[in-house]
């Protein structure tokens, strides 16, 4: 490794719904003092969700760059990441939902498996990304085993995805009631 190689700076922020994970990740991006690219993974499917996304937009600084990446997260990260820059990905939960339940496939009751090459491409993009990277995801596996095979598949796949990202992160935080609990780093 040469001295010009970037050092790894990957922060993983996990939490339940309304735990404060996105707001905390945004604070971390602001506190970095770096230019920020916000990578949004949401696919807006209804008015209620559109209102949620609007609240996130209003909270973010207007000068941040925005990249919408509901499916090609690896490509978006590879394009946005650079030394002296911060990339905030919000969130893996929605990205995985987009992959498992494509918007155009509303009639299916069976969710497809996430292609391993898609996850591997994201792993590679994270490993190769220079600059500061902040990734947000939900922790949804702390409750009862859900009814329905599609929901169980989603919970299982998100748990595995979260483990992959946590394993490679330099820092991992679990948000609870707006408070960050340090898991790693």
N, C-alpha and C. Protein backbone atom coordinates (compact mmCIF):
# COMPACT_ATOMS: atom_id res chain seq x y z
N UNK A 1 0.85 -1.18 0.00
CA UNK A 1 0.00 0.00 0.00
C UNK A 1 0.89 1.24 0.00
N UNK A 2 0.61 2.18 -0.84
CA UNK A 2 1.38 3.41 -0.90
C UNK A 2 0.81 4.40 0.09
N UNK A 3 1.60 5.42 0.40
CA UNK A 3 1.14 6.42 1.36
C UNK A 3 0.01 7.27 0.81
N UNK A 4 -0.18 7.26 -0.52
CA UNK A 4 -1.27 8.05 -1.09
C UNK A 4 -2.60 7.29 -1.10
N UNK A 5 -2.60 6.02 -0.68
CA UNK A 5 -3.84 5.24 -0.65
C UNK A 5 -4.76 5.80 0.43
N UNK A 6 -6.04 5.91 0.13
CA UNK A 6 -6.96 6.46 1.12
C UNK A 6 -7.15 5.50 2.29
N UNK A 7 -7.27 6.05 3.51
CA UNK A 7 -7.58 5.19 4.64
C UNK A 7 -9.09 4.98 4.67
N UNK A 8 -9.48 3.84 5.14
CA UNK A 8 -10.89 3.46 5.18
C UNK A 8 -11.62 4.31 6.22
N UNK A 9 -12.75 4.87 5.84
CA UNK A 9 -13.57 5.65 6.76
C UNK A 9 -15.03 5.35 6.46
N UNK A 10 -15.53 4.25 7.01
CA UNK A 10 -16.88 3.79 6.77
C UNK A 10 -17.63 3.71 8.10
N UNK A 11 -18.66 4.54 8.23
CA UNK A 11 -19.50 4.54 9.42
C UNK A 11 -20.85 3.95 9.06
N UNK A 12 -21.29 2.97 9.85
CA UNK A 12 -22.55 2.28 9.64
C UNK A 12 -23.49 2.68 10.77
N UNK A 13 -24.65 3.25 10.41
CA UNK A 13 -25.63 3.72 11.39
C UNK A 13 -26.90 2.88 11.25
N UNK A 14 -27.19 2.10 12.28
CA UNK A 14 -28.36 1.21 12.32
C UNK A 14 -29.37 1.72 13.33
N UNK A 15 -30.61 1.35 13.14
CA UNK A 15 -31.63 1.67 14.14
C UNK A 15 -32.99 1.28 13.64
N UNK A 16 -33.94 1.31 14.53
CA UNK A 16 -35.32 1.02 14.18
C UNK A 16 -35.99 2.23 13.55
N UNK A 17 -37.25 2.07 13.21
CA UNK A 17 -38.03 3.18 12.66
C UNK A 17 -38.10 4.30 13.69
N UNK A 18 -37.87 5.51 13.23
CA UNK A 18 -37.92 6.71 14.07
C UNK A 18 -36.94 6.68 15.25
N UNK A 19 -35.82 5.99 15.04
CA UNK A 19 -34.80 5.93 16.09
C UNK A 19 -33.85 7.12 16.05
N UNK A 20 -33.90 7.89 14.96
CA UNK A 20 -32.99 9.02 14.80
C UNK A 20 -31.77 8.71 13.95
N UNK A 21 -31.79 7.56 13.27
CA UNK A 21 -30.60 7.14 12.51
C UNK A 21 -30.27 8.09 11.36
N UNK A 22 -31.26 8.50 10.58
CA UNK A 22 -30.98 9.38 9.44
C UNK A 22 -30.51 10.75 9.92
N UNK A 23 -31.17 11.31 10.93
CA UNK A 23 -30.77 12.62 11.45
C UNK A 23 -29.35 12.56 12.02
N UNK A 24 -29.02 11.47 12.70
CA UNK A 24 -27.67 11.34 13.26
C UNK A 24 -26.64 11.21 12.13
N UNK A 25 -26.95 10.42 11.13
CA UNK A 25 -26.04 10.27 9.99
C UNK A 25 -25.82 11.62 9.30
N UNK A 26 -26.89 12.39 9.17
CA UNK A 26 -26.77 13.72 8.57
C UNK A 26 -25.88 14.63 9.42
N UNK A 27 -26.02 14.55 10.75
CA UNK A 27 -25.14 15.33 11.63
C UNK A 27 -23.68 14.93 11.45
N UNK A 28 -23.43 13.63 11.35
CA UNK A 28 -22.06 13.16 11.13
C UNK A 28 -21.50 13.71 9.82
N UNK A 29 -22.32 13.73 8.79
CA UNK A 29 -21.87 14.27 7.49
C UNK A 29 -21.56 15.76 7.61
N UNK A 30 -22.42 16.50 8.28
CA UNK A 30 -22.18 17.94 8.48
C UNK A 30 -20.91 18.16 9.27
N UNK A 31 -20.75 17.38 10.37
CA UNK A 31 -19.59 17.54 11.24
C UNK A 31 -18.28 17.16 10.55
N UNK A 32 -18.35 16.39 9.47
CA UNK A 32 -17.13 16.02 8.75
C UNK A 32 -16.48 17.25 8.13
N UNK A 33 -17.27 18.29 7.85
CA UNK A 33 -16.74 19.49 7.21
C UNK A 33 -16.42 19.31 5.74
N UNK A 34 -16.79 18.16 5.19
CA UNK A 34 -16.49 17.85 3.79
C UNK A 34 -17.71 18.14 2.91
N UNK A 35 -17.50 18.32 1.62
CA UNK A 35 -18.64 18.36 0.70
C UNK A 35 -19.36 17.02 0.78
N UNK A 36 -20.70 17.04 0.69
CA UNK A 36 -21.50 15.83 0.89
C UNK A 36 -22.33 15.52 -0.35
N UNK A 37 -22.32 14.24 -0.71
CA UNK A 37 -23.27 13.71 -1.68
C UNK A 37 -24.19 12.77 -0.93
N UNK A 38 -25.48 13.04 -1.03
CA UNK A 38 -26.51 12.23 -0.39
C UNK A 38 -27.03 11.26 -1.45
N UNK A 39 -26.90 9.96 -1.18
CA UNK A 39 -27.39 8.94 -2.09
C UNK A 39 -28.70 8.40 -1.52
N UNK A 40 -29.79 8.72 -2.20
CA UNK A 40 -31.13 8.31 -1.77
C UNK A 40 -31.52 7.04 -2.51
N UNK A 41 -31.98 6.05 -1.76
CA UNK A 41 -32.34 4.77 -2.37
C UNK A 41 -33.85 4.59 -2.50
N UNK A 42 -34.62 5.54 -2.04
CA UNK A 42 -36.07 5.39 -2.02
C UNK A 42 -36.68 5.38 -3.41
N UNK A 43 -37.71 4.56 -3.54
CA UNK A 43 -38.60 4.59 -4.70
C UNK A 43 -39.95 5.03 -4.13
N UNK A 44 -40.41 6.20 -4.52
CA UNK A 44 -41.65 6.75 -3.96
C UNK A 44 -42.83 6.09 -4.64
N UNK A 45 -43.64 5.41 -3.82
CA UNK A 45 -44.76 4.66 -4.36
C UNK A 45 -46.13 5.20 -3.98
N UNK A 46 -46.19 6.08 -2.98
CA UNK A 46 -47.50 6.62 -2.59
C UNK A 46 -47.31 7.98 -1.90
N UNK A 47 -48.42 8.66 -1.64
CA UNK A 47 -48.38 10.02 -1.10
C UNK A 47 -47.81 10.07 0.31
N UNK A 48 -48.12 9.07 1.13
CA UNK A 48 -47.60 9.06 2.50
C UNK A 48 -46.09 8.96 2.49
N UNK A 49 -45.54 8.08 1.64
CA UNK A 49 -44.10 7.93 1.57
C UNK A 49 -43.46 9.16 0.96
N UNK A 50 -44.13 9.77 0.01
CA UNK A 50 -43.63 11.02 -0.59
C UNK A 50 -43.49 12.10 0.48
N UNK A 51 -44.44 12.16 1.42
CA UNK A 51 -44.36 13.13 2.52
C UNK A 51 -43.17 12.84 3.42
N UNK A 52 -42.89 11.56 3.67
CA UNK A 52 -41.71 11.19 4.48
C UNK A 52 -40.43 11.64 3.80
N UNK A 53 -40.34 11.40 2.50
CA UNK A 53 -39.15 11.80 1.75
C UNK A 53 -39.01 13.32 1.77
N UNK A 54 -40.10 14.03 1.67
CA UNK A 54 -40.07 15.50 1.71
C UNK A 54 -39.48 16.01 3.02
N UNK A 55 -39.81 15.36 4.13
CA UNK A 55 -39.24 15.76 5.42
C UNK A 55 -37.73 15.58 5.44
N UNK A 56 -37.25 14.50 4.85
CA UNK A 56 -35.80 14.29 4.75
C UNK A 56 -35.17 15.37 3.89
N UNK A 57 -35.79 15.70 2.78
CA UNK A 57 -35.24 16.74 1.88
C UNK A 57 -35.15 18.08 2.59
N UNK A 58 -36.21 18.44 3.31
CA UNK A 58 -36.24 19.74 4.01
C UNK A 58 -35.17 19.83 5.09
N UNK A 59 -34.83 18.70 5.69
CA UNK A 59 -33.87 18.69 6.79
C UNK A 59 -32.43 18.80 6.28
N UNK A 60 -32.18 18.34 5.07
CA UNK A 60 -30.82 18.32 4.53
C UNK A 60 -30.40 19.71 4.06
N UNK A 61 -29.10 20.02 4.20
CA UNK A 61 -28.59 21.27 3.64
C UNK A 61 -28.80 21.32 2.12
N UNK A 62 -29.22 22.45 1.63
CA UNK A 62 -29.54 22.62 0.21
C UNK A 62 -28.31 22.46 -0.69
N UNK A 63 -27.12 22.72 -0.16
CA UNK A 63 -25.91 22.64 -0.99
C UNK A 63 -25.38 21.22 -1.17
N UNK A 64 -25.95 20.24 -0.49
CA UNK A 64 -25.53 18.86 -0.69
C UNK A 64 -25.94 18.39 -2.08
N UNK A 65 -25.09 17.61 -2.69
CA UNK A 65 -25.44 16.96 -3.95
C UNK A 65 -26.37 15.79 -3.66
N UNK A 66 -27.23 15.50 -4.61
CA UNK A 66 -28.17 14.39 -4.46
C UNK A 66 -28.02 13.44 -5.63
N UNK A 67 -27.93 12.15 -5.31
CA UNK A 67 -27.94 11.09 -6.32
C UNK A 67 -29.05 10.13 -5.92
N UNK A 68 -29.95 9.86 -6.85
CA UNK A 68 -31.01 8.89 -6.58
C UNK A 68 -30.59 7.55 -7.15
N UNK A 69 -30.56 6.53 -6.29
CA UNK A 69 -30.07 5.22 -6.69
C UNK A 69 -30.95 4.12 -6.09
N UNK A 70 -32.16 3.96 -6.61
CA UNK A 70 -33.02 2.92 -6.05
C UNK A 70 -32.56 1.50 -6.35
N UNK A 71 -31.73 1.31 -7.38
CA UNK A 71 -31.27 -0.04 -7.73
C UNK A 71 -29.74 -0.15 -7.84
N UNK A 72 -29.08 0.76 -8.54
CA UNK A 72 -27.64 0.66 -8.78
C UNK A 72 -26.86 1.42 -7.72
N UNK A 73 -26.89 0.90 -6.50
CA UNK A 73 -26.20 1.57 -5.40
C UNK A 73 -24.68 1.49 -5.56
N UNK A 74 -24.19 0.36 -6.04
CA UNK A 74 -22.75 0.23 -6.24
C UNK A 74 -22.25 1.27 -7.25
N UNK A 75 -22.96 1.43 -8.34
CA UNK A 75 -22.57 2.42 -9.34
C UNK A 75 -22.63 3.84 -8.81
N UNK A 76 -23.68 4.14 -8.06
CA UNK A 76 -23.82 5.48 -7.48
C UNK A 76 -22.69 5.78 -6.51
N UNK A 77 -22.36 4.80 -5.65
CA UNK A 77 -21.28 5.00 -4.70
C UNK A 77 -19.94 5.17 -5.41
N UNK A 78 -19.68 4.32 -6.38
CA UNK A 78 -18.41 4.41 -7.12
C UNK A 78 -18.26 5.76 -7.81
N UNK A 79 -19.36 6.30 -8.33
CA UNK A 79 -19.32 7.60 -9.01
C UNK A 79 -19.16 8.77 -8.04
N UNK A 80 -19.77 8.65 -6.87
CA UNK A 80 -19.80 9.79 -5.94
C UNK A 80 -18.59 9.85 -5.01
N UNK A 81 -18.02 8.71 -4.65
CA UNK A 81 -16.95 8.68 -3.65
C UNK A 81 -15.65 9.20 -4.21
N UNK A 82 -15.01 10.06 -3.44
CA UNK A 82 -13.68 10.56 -3.79
C UNK A 82 -13.02 11.12 -2.54
N UNK A 83 -11.73 11.21 -2.56
CA UNK A 83 -10.98 11.72 -1.42
C UNK A 83 -11.46 13.13 -1.09
N UNK A 84 -11.51 13.45 0.20
CA UNK A 84 -11.92 14.78 0.62
C UNK A 84 -13.40 15.03 0.44
N UNK A 85 -14.20 13.97 0.40
CA UNK A 85 -15.64 14.09 0.16
C UNK A 85 -16.36 13.10 1.07
N UNK A 86 -17.60 13.39 1.40
CA UNK A 86 -18.42 12.50 2.22
C UNK A 86 -19.62 12.04 1.40
N UNK A 87 -19.88 10.74 1.42
CA UNK A 87 -21.05 10.16 0.78
C UNK A 87 -21.93 9.57 1.87
N UNK A 88 -23.18 9.99 1.90
CA UNK A 88 -24.16 9.48 2.86
C UNK A 88 -25.20 8.68 2.10
N UNK A 89 -25.29 7.38 2.39
CA UNK A 89 -26.27 6.50 1.74
C UNK A 89 -27.42 6.28 2.71
N UNK A 90 -28.62 6.66 2.28
CA UNK A 90 -29.81 6.49 3.12
C UNK A 90 -30.93 5.92 2.26
N UNK A 91 -31.25 4.67 2.33
CA UNK A 91 -30.74 3.68 3.25
C UNK A 91 -30.72 2.30 2.58
N UNK A 92 -30.00 1.36 3.20
CA UNK A 92 -29.93 0.00 2.69
C UNK A 92 -31.28 -0.70 2.75
N UNK A 93 -32.09 -0.35 3.72
CA UNK A 93 -33.40 -0.98 3.90
C UNK A 93 -34.27 -0.82 2.67
N UNK A 94 -34.34 0.41 2.16
CA UNK A 94 -35.15 0.68 0.98
C UNK A 94 -34.52 0.09 -0.28
N UNK A 95 -33.19 0.14 -0.36
CA UNK A 95 -32.50 -0.44 -1.51
C UNK A 95 -32.81 -1.93 -1.63
N UNK A 96 -32.72 -2.63 -0.50
CA UNK A 96 -33.00 -4.06 -0.53
C UNK A 96 -34.47 -4.32 -0.89
N UNK A 97 -35.37 -3.52 -0.37
CA UNK A 97 -36.79 -3.67 -0.72
C UNK A 97 -36.99 -3.47 -2.22
N UNK A 98 -36.30 -2.51 -2.82
CA UNK A 98 -36.39 -2.28 -4.26
C UNK A 98 -35.89 -3.48 -5.05
N UNK A 99 -34.83 -4.11 -4.56
CA UNK A 99 -34.27 -5.27 -5.25
C UNK A 99 -35.17 -6.50 -5.12
N UNK A 100 -35.74 -6.69 -3.94
CA UNK A 100 -36.57 -7.88 -3.70
C UNK A 100 -37.97 -7.75 -4.26
N UNK A 101 -38.49 -6.54 -4.26
CA UNK A 101 -39.88 -6.31 -4.69
C UNK A 101 -39.92 -5.16 -5.68
N UNK A 102 -39.50 -5.41 -6.92
CA UNK A 102 -39.48 -4.33 -7.92
C UNK A 102 -40.86 -3.70 -8.08
N UNK A 103 -40.89 -2.40 -8.27
CA UNK A 103 -42.16 -1.65 -8.38
C UNK A 103 -43.01 -2.16 -9.53
N UNK A 104 -42.39 -2.58 -10.62
CA UNK A 104 -43.16 -3.02 -11.78
C UNK A 104 -43.72 -4.44 -11.61
N UNK A 105 -43.32 -5.14 -10.55
CA UNK A 105 -43.75 -6.52 -10.32
C UNK A 105 -44.74 -6.56 -9.15
N UNK A 106 -45.88 -5.90 -9.30
CA UNK A 106 -46.84 -5.79 -8.20
C UNK A 106 -47.72 -7.02 -8.05
N UNK A 107 -47.76 -7.90 -9.03
CA UNK A 107 -48.66 -9.05 -8.97
C UNK A 107 -48.04 -10.27 -8.28
N UNK A 108 -46.74 -10.28 -8.08
CA UNK A 108 -46.08 -11.46 -7.54
C UNK A 108 -46.19 -11.55 -6.03
N UNK A 109 -46.44 -12.73 -5.52
CA UNK A 109 -46.44 -12.99 -4.08
C UNK A 109 -45.11 -13.57 -3.63
N UNK A 110 -44.26 -13.91 -4.56
CA UNK A 110 -42.96 -14.48 -4.25
C UNK A 110 -41.87 -13.46 -4.57
N UNK A 111 -41.06 -13.15 -3.58
CA UNK A 111 -39.95 -12.22 -3.79
C UNK A 111 -38.77 -12.97 -4.37
N UNK A 112 -38.11 -12.40 -5.36
CA UNK A 112 -36.94 -13.06 -5.92
C UNK A 112 -35.76 -12.94 -4.95
N UNK A 113 -34.79 -13.78 -5.11
CA UNK A 113 -33.56 -13.66 -4.33
C UNK A 113 -32.77 -12.47 -4.85
N UNK A 114 -32.05 -11.83 -3.97
CA UNK A 114 -31.19 -10.73 -4.39
C UNK A 114 -29.99 -11.35 -5.12
N UNK A 115 -29.72 -10.90 -6.34
CA UNK A 115 -28.58 -11.47 -7.07
C UNK A 115 -27.28 -11.25 -6.30
N UNK A 116 -26.54 -12.32 -6.09
CA UNK A 116 -25.28 -12.24 -5.34
C UNK A 116 -24.32 -11.24 -5.98
N UNK A 117 -24.34 -11.16 -7.32
CA UNK A 117 -23.43 -10.21 -7.99
C UNK A 117 -23.76 -8.76 -7.62
N UNK A 118 -25.01 -8.46 -7.32
CA UNK A 118 -25.40 -7.11 -6.90
C UNK A 118 -24.81 -6.79 -5.53
N UNK A 119 -24.91 -7.75 -4.61
CA UNK A 119 -24.34 -7.56 -3.27
C UNK A 119 -22.81 -7.50 -3.34
N UNK A 120 -22.22 -8.35 -4.16
CA UNK A 120 -20.76 -8.33 -4.31
C UNK A 120 -20.28 -7.01 -4.91
N UNK A 121 -21.04 -6.47 -5.87
CA UNK A 121 -20.68 -5.19 -6.46
C UNK A 121 -20.73 -4.08 -5.42
N UNK A 122 -21.74 -4.13 -4.54
CA UNK A 122 -21.82 -3.14 -3.47
C UNK A 122 -20.67 -3.32 -2.49
N UNK A 123 -20.35 -4.56 -2.11
CA UNK A 123 -19.21 -4.82 -1.22
C UNK A 123 -17.93 -4.22 -1.81
N UNK A 124 -17.72 -4.44 -3.11
CA UNK A 124 -16.52 -3.93 -3.78
C UNK A 124 -16.51 -2.41 -3.79
N UNK A 125 -17.66 -1.81 -4.09
CA UNK A 125 -17.74 -0.35 -4.11
C UNK A 125 -17.42 0.23 -2.72
N UNK A 126 -17.94 -0.41 -1.67
CA UNK A 126 -17.62 0.05 -0.30
C UNK A 126 -16.13 -0.10 0.00
N UNK A 127 -15.56 -1.23 -0.38
CA UNK A 127 -14.15 -1.49 -0.11
C UNK A 127 -13.23 -0.52 -0.85
N UNK A 128 -13.64 -0.12 -2.05
CA UNK A 128 -12.80 0.74 -2.89
C UNK A 128 -13.08 2.23 -2.71
N UNK A 129 -14.11 2.57 -1.96
CA UNK A 129 -14.55 3.97 -1.89
C UNK A 129 -13.57 4.83 -1.08
N UNK A 130 -13.02 5.85 -1.71
CA UNK A 130 -12.21 6.81 -0.96
C UNK A 130 -13.12 7.82 -0.25
N UNK A 131 -12.54 8.58 0.66
CA UNK A 131 -13.31 9.58 1.36
C UNK A 131 -14.06 9.00 2.54
N UNK A 132 -15.00 9.78 3.05
CA UNK A 132 -15.82 9.37 4.20
C UNK A 132 -17.13 8.82 3.66
N UNK A 133 -17.50 7.63 4.12
CA UNK A 133 -18.74 6.99 3.70
C UNK A 133 -19.58 6.73 4.94
N UNK A 134 -20.84 7.13 4.89
CA UNK A 134 -21.79 6.87 5.98
C UNK A 134 -22.96 6.10 5.37
N UNK A 135 -23.27 4.96 5.95
CA UNK A 135 -24.35 4.10 5.44
C UNK A 135 -25.39 3.94 6.54
N UNK A 136 -26.66 4.13 6.17
CA UNK A 136 -27.78 4.01 7.10
C UNK A 136 -28.59 2.77 6.75
N UNK A 137 -29.04 2.06 7.79
CA UNK A 137 -29.90 0.90 7.57
C UNK A 137 -30.78 0.68 8.79
N UNK A 138 -31.89 0.01 8.58
CA UNK A 138 -32.77 -0.36 9.69
C UNK A 138 -32.31 -1.67 10.32
N UNK A 139 -32.49 -1.76 11.61
CA UNK A 139 -32.32 -3.02 12.32
C UNK A 139 -33.74 -3.52 12.58
N UNK A 140 -34.15 -4.53 11.82
CA UNK A 140 -35.54 -4.98 11.93
C UNK A 140 -35.65 -6.40 12.48
N UNK A 141 -34.54 -7.02 12.83
CA UNK A 141 -34.56 -8.41 13.24
C UNK A 141 -34.64 -8.63 14.74
N UNK A 142 -35.09 -7.66 15.50
CA UNK A 142 -35.11 -7.81 16.95
C UNK A 142 -36.48 -8.22 17.49
N UNK A 143 -37.43 -8.41 16.60
CA UNK A 143 -38.77 -8.77 17.04
C UNK A 143 -39.08 -10.23 16.77
N UNK A 144 -40.34 -10.52 16.71
CA UNK A 144 -40.78 -11.88 16.45
C UNK A 144 -40.51 -12.24 14.99
N UNK A 145 -40.46 -13.53 14.71
CA UNK A 145 -40.31 -13.99 13.34
C UNK A 145 -41.59 -13.64 12.60
N UNK A 146 -41.49 -12.89 11.49
CA UNK A 146 -42.71 -12.43 10.81
C UNK A 146 -43.46 -13.57 10.12
N UNK A 147 -44.76 -13.37 9.99
CA UNK A 147 -45.59 -14.28 9.22
C UNK A 147 -45.35 -14.02 7.74
N UNK A 148 -45.43 -15.01 6.93
CA UNK A 148 -45.30 -14.84 5.49
C UNK A 148 -43.88 -15.03 5.01
N UNK A 149 -43.73 -15.84 3.97
CA UNK A 149 -42.40 -16.17 3.47
C UNK A 149 -41.67 -14.97 2.88
N UNK A 150 -42.39 -14.07 2.23
CA UNK A 150 -41.74 -12.90 1.61
C UNK A 150 -41.18 -11.98 2.70
N UNK A 151 -41.94 -11.77 3.75
CA UNK A 151 -41.47 -10.91 4.84
C UNK A 151 -40.30 -11.55 5.57
N UNK A 152 -40.36 -12.85 5.81
CA UNK A 152 -39.23 -13.54 6.45
C UNK A 152 -37.98 -13.45 5.58
N UNK A 153 -38.14 -13.63 4.27
CA UNK A 153 -37.01 -13.50 3.36
C UNK A 153 -36.40 -12.11 3.47
N UNK A 154 -37.23 -11.08 3.48
CA UNK A 154 -36.74 -9.70 3.58
C UNK A 154 -35.95 -9.49 4.88
N UNK A 155 -36.52 -9.92 6.00
CA UNK A 155 -35.84 -9.76 7.30
C UNK A 155 -34.50 -10.49 7.29
N UNK A 156 -34.50 -11.72 6.76
CA UNK A 156 -33.26 -12.50 6.70
C UNK A 156 -32.22 -11.82 5.82
N UNK A 157 -32.63 -11.39 4.63
CA UNK A 157 -31.69 -10.76 3.70
C UNK A 157 -31.15 -9.45 4.25
N UNK A 158 -32.00 -8.64 4.90
CA UNK A 158 -31.50 -7.39 5.48
C UNK A 158 -30.53 -7.68 6.61
N UNK A 159 -30.83 -8.68 7.42
CA UNK A 159 -29.89 -9.05 8.49
C UNK A 159 -28.54 -9.44 7.94
N UNK A 160 -28.53 -10.23 6.87
CA UNK A 160 -27.26 -10.63 6.25
C UNK A 160 -26.54 -9.43 5.63
N UNK A 161 -27.28 -8.55 4.97
CA UNK A 161 -26.68 -7.35 4.37
C UNK A 161 -26.08 -6.46 5.45
N UNK A 162 -26.81 -6.25 6.54
CA UNK A 162 -26.29 -5.44 7.64
C UNK A 162 -25.01 -6.04 8.21
N UNK A 163 -24.97 -7.36 8.34
CA UNK A 163 -23.76 -8.00 8.85
C UNK A 163 -22.58 -7.79 7.92
N UNK A 164 -22.82 -7.84 6.61
CA UNK A 164 -21.75 -7.63 5.63
C UNK A 164 -21.16 -6.23 5.78
N UNK A 165 -22.05 -5.23 5.88
CA UNK A 165 -21.57 -3.85 5.97
C UNK A 165 -20.90 -3.61 7.32
N UNK A 166 -21.48 -4.12 8.39
CA UNK A 166 -20.89 -3.93 9.72
C UNK A 166 -19.50 -4.54 9.81
N UNK A 167 -19.31 -5.69 9.18
CA UNK A 167 -18.02 -6.36 9.23
C UNK A 167 -16.91 -5.52 8.59
N UNK A 168 -17.24 -4.74 7.57
CA UNK A 168 -16.23 -3.96 6.87
C UNK A 168 -16.15 -2.51 7.36
N UNK A 169 -17.07 -2.11 8.22
CA UNK A 169 -17.09 -0.72 8.68
C UNK A 169 -15.97 -0.46 9.70
N UNK A 170 -15.55 0.80 9.77
CA UNK A 170 -14.59 1.20 10.79
C UNK A 170 -15.32 1.60 12.07
N UNK A 171 -16.57 2.07 11.90
CA UNK A 171 -17.42 2.42 13.04
C UNK A 171 -18.83 1.92 12.76
N UNK A 172 -19.51 1.46 13.82
CA UNK A 172 -20.91 1.07 13.69
C UNK A 172 -21.64 1.59 14.92
N UNK A 173 -22.81 2.19 14.68
CA UNK A 173 -23.62 2.76 15.75
C UNK A 173 -25.02 2.18 15.67
N UNK A 174 -25.63 1.96 16.81
CA UNK A 174 -27.02 1.56 16.88
C UNK A 174 -27.77 2.70 17.54
N UNK A 175 -28.75 3.25 16.84
CA UNK A 175 -29.54 4.35 17.37
C UNK A 175 -30.73 3.79 18.14
N UNK A 176 -30.95 4.33 19.32
CA UNK A 176 -32.13 3.97 20.13
C UNK A 176 -32.61 5.25 20.80
N UNK A 177 -33.86 5.62 20.55
CA UNK A 177 -34.46 6.82 21.14
C UNK A 177 -33.62 8.06 20.88
N UNK A 178 -33.02 8.13 19.69
CA UNK A 178 -32.22 9.29 19.32
C UNK A 178 -30.81 9.30 19.88
N UNK A 179 -30.43 8.23 20.57
CA UNK A 179 -29.10 8.16 21.18
C UNK A 179 -28.25 7.14 20.44
N UNK A 180 -27.01 7.53 20.08
CA UNK A 180 -26.12 6.58 19.41
C UNK A 180 -25.41 5.68 20.41
N UNK A 181 -25.50 4.39 20.19
CA UNK A 181 -24.80 3.41 20.99
C UNK A 181 -23.68 2.85 20.13
N UNK A 182 -22.44 2.96 20.58
CA UNK A 182 -21.31 2.52 19.78
C UNK A 182 -21.22 1.00 19.83
N UNK A 183 -21.25 0.40 18.65
CA UNK A 183 -21.09 -1.04 18.51
C UNK A 183 -19.67 -1.41 18.10
N UNK A 184 -19.05 -0.50 17.35
CA UNK A 184 -17.71 -0.78 16.81
C UNK A 184 -17.00 0.54 16.56
N UNK A 185 -15.70 0.55 16.88
CA UNK A 185 -14.88 1.71 16.55
C UNK A 185 -14.89 2.82 17.57
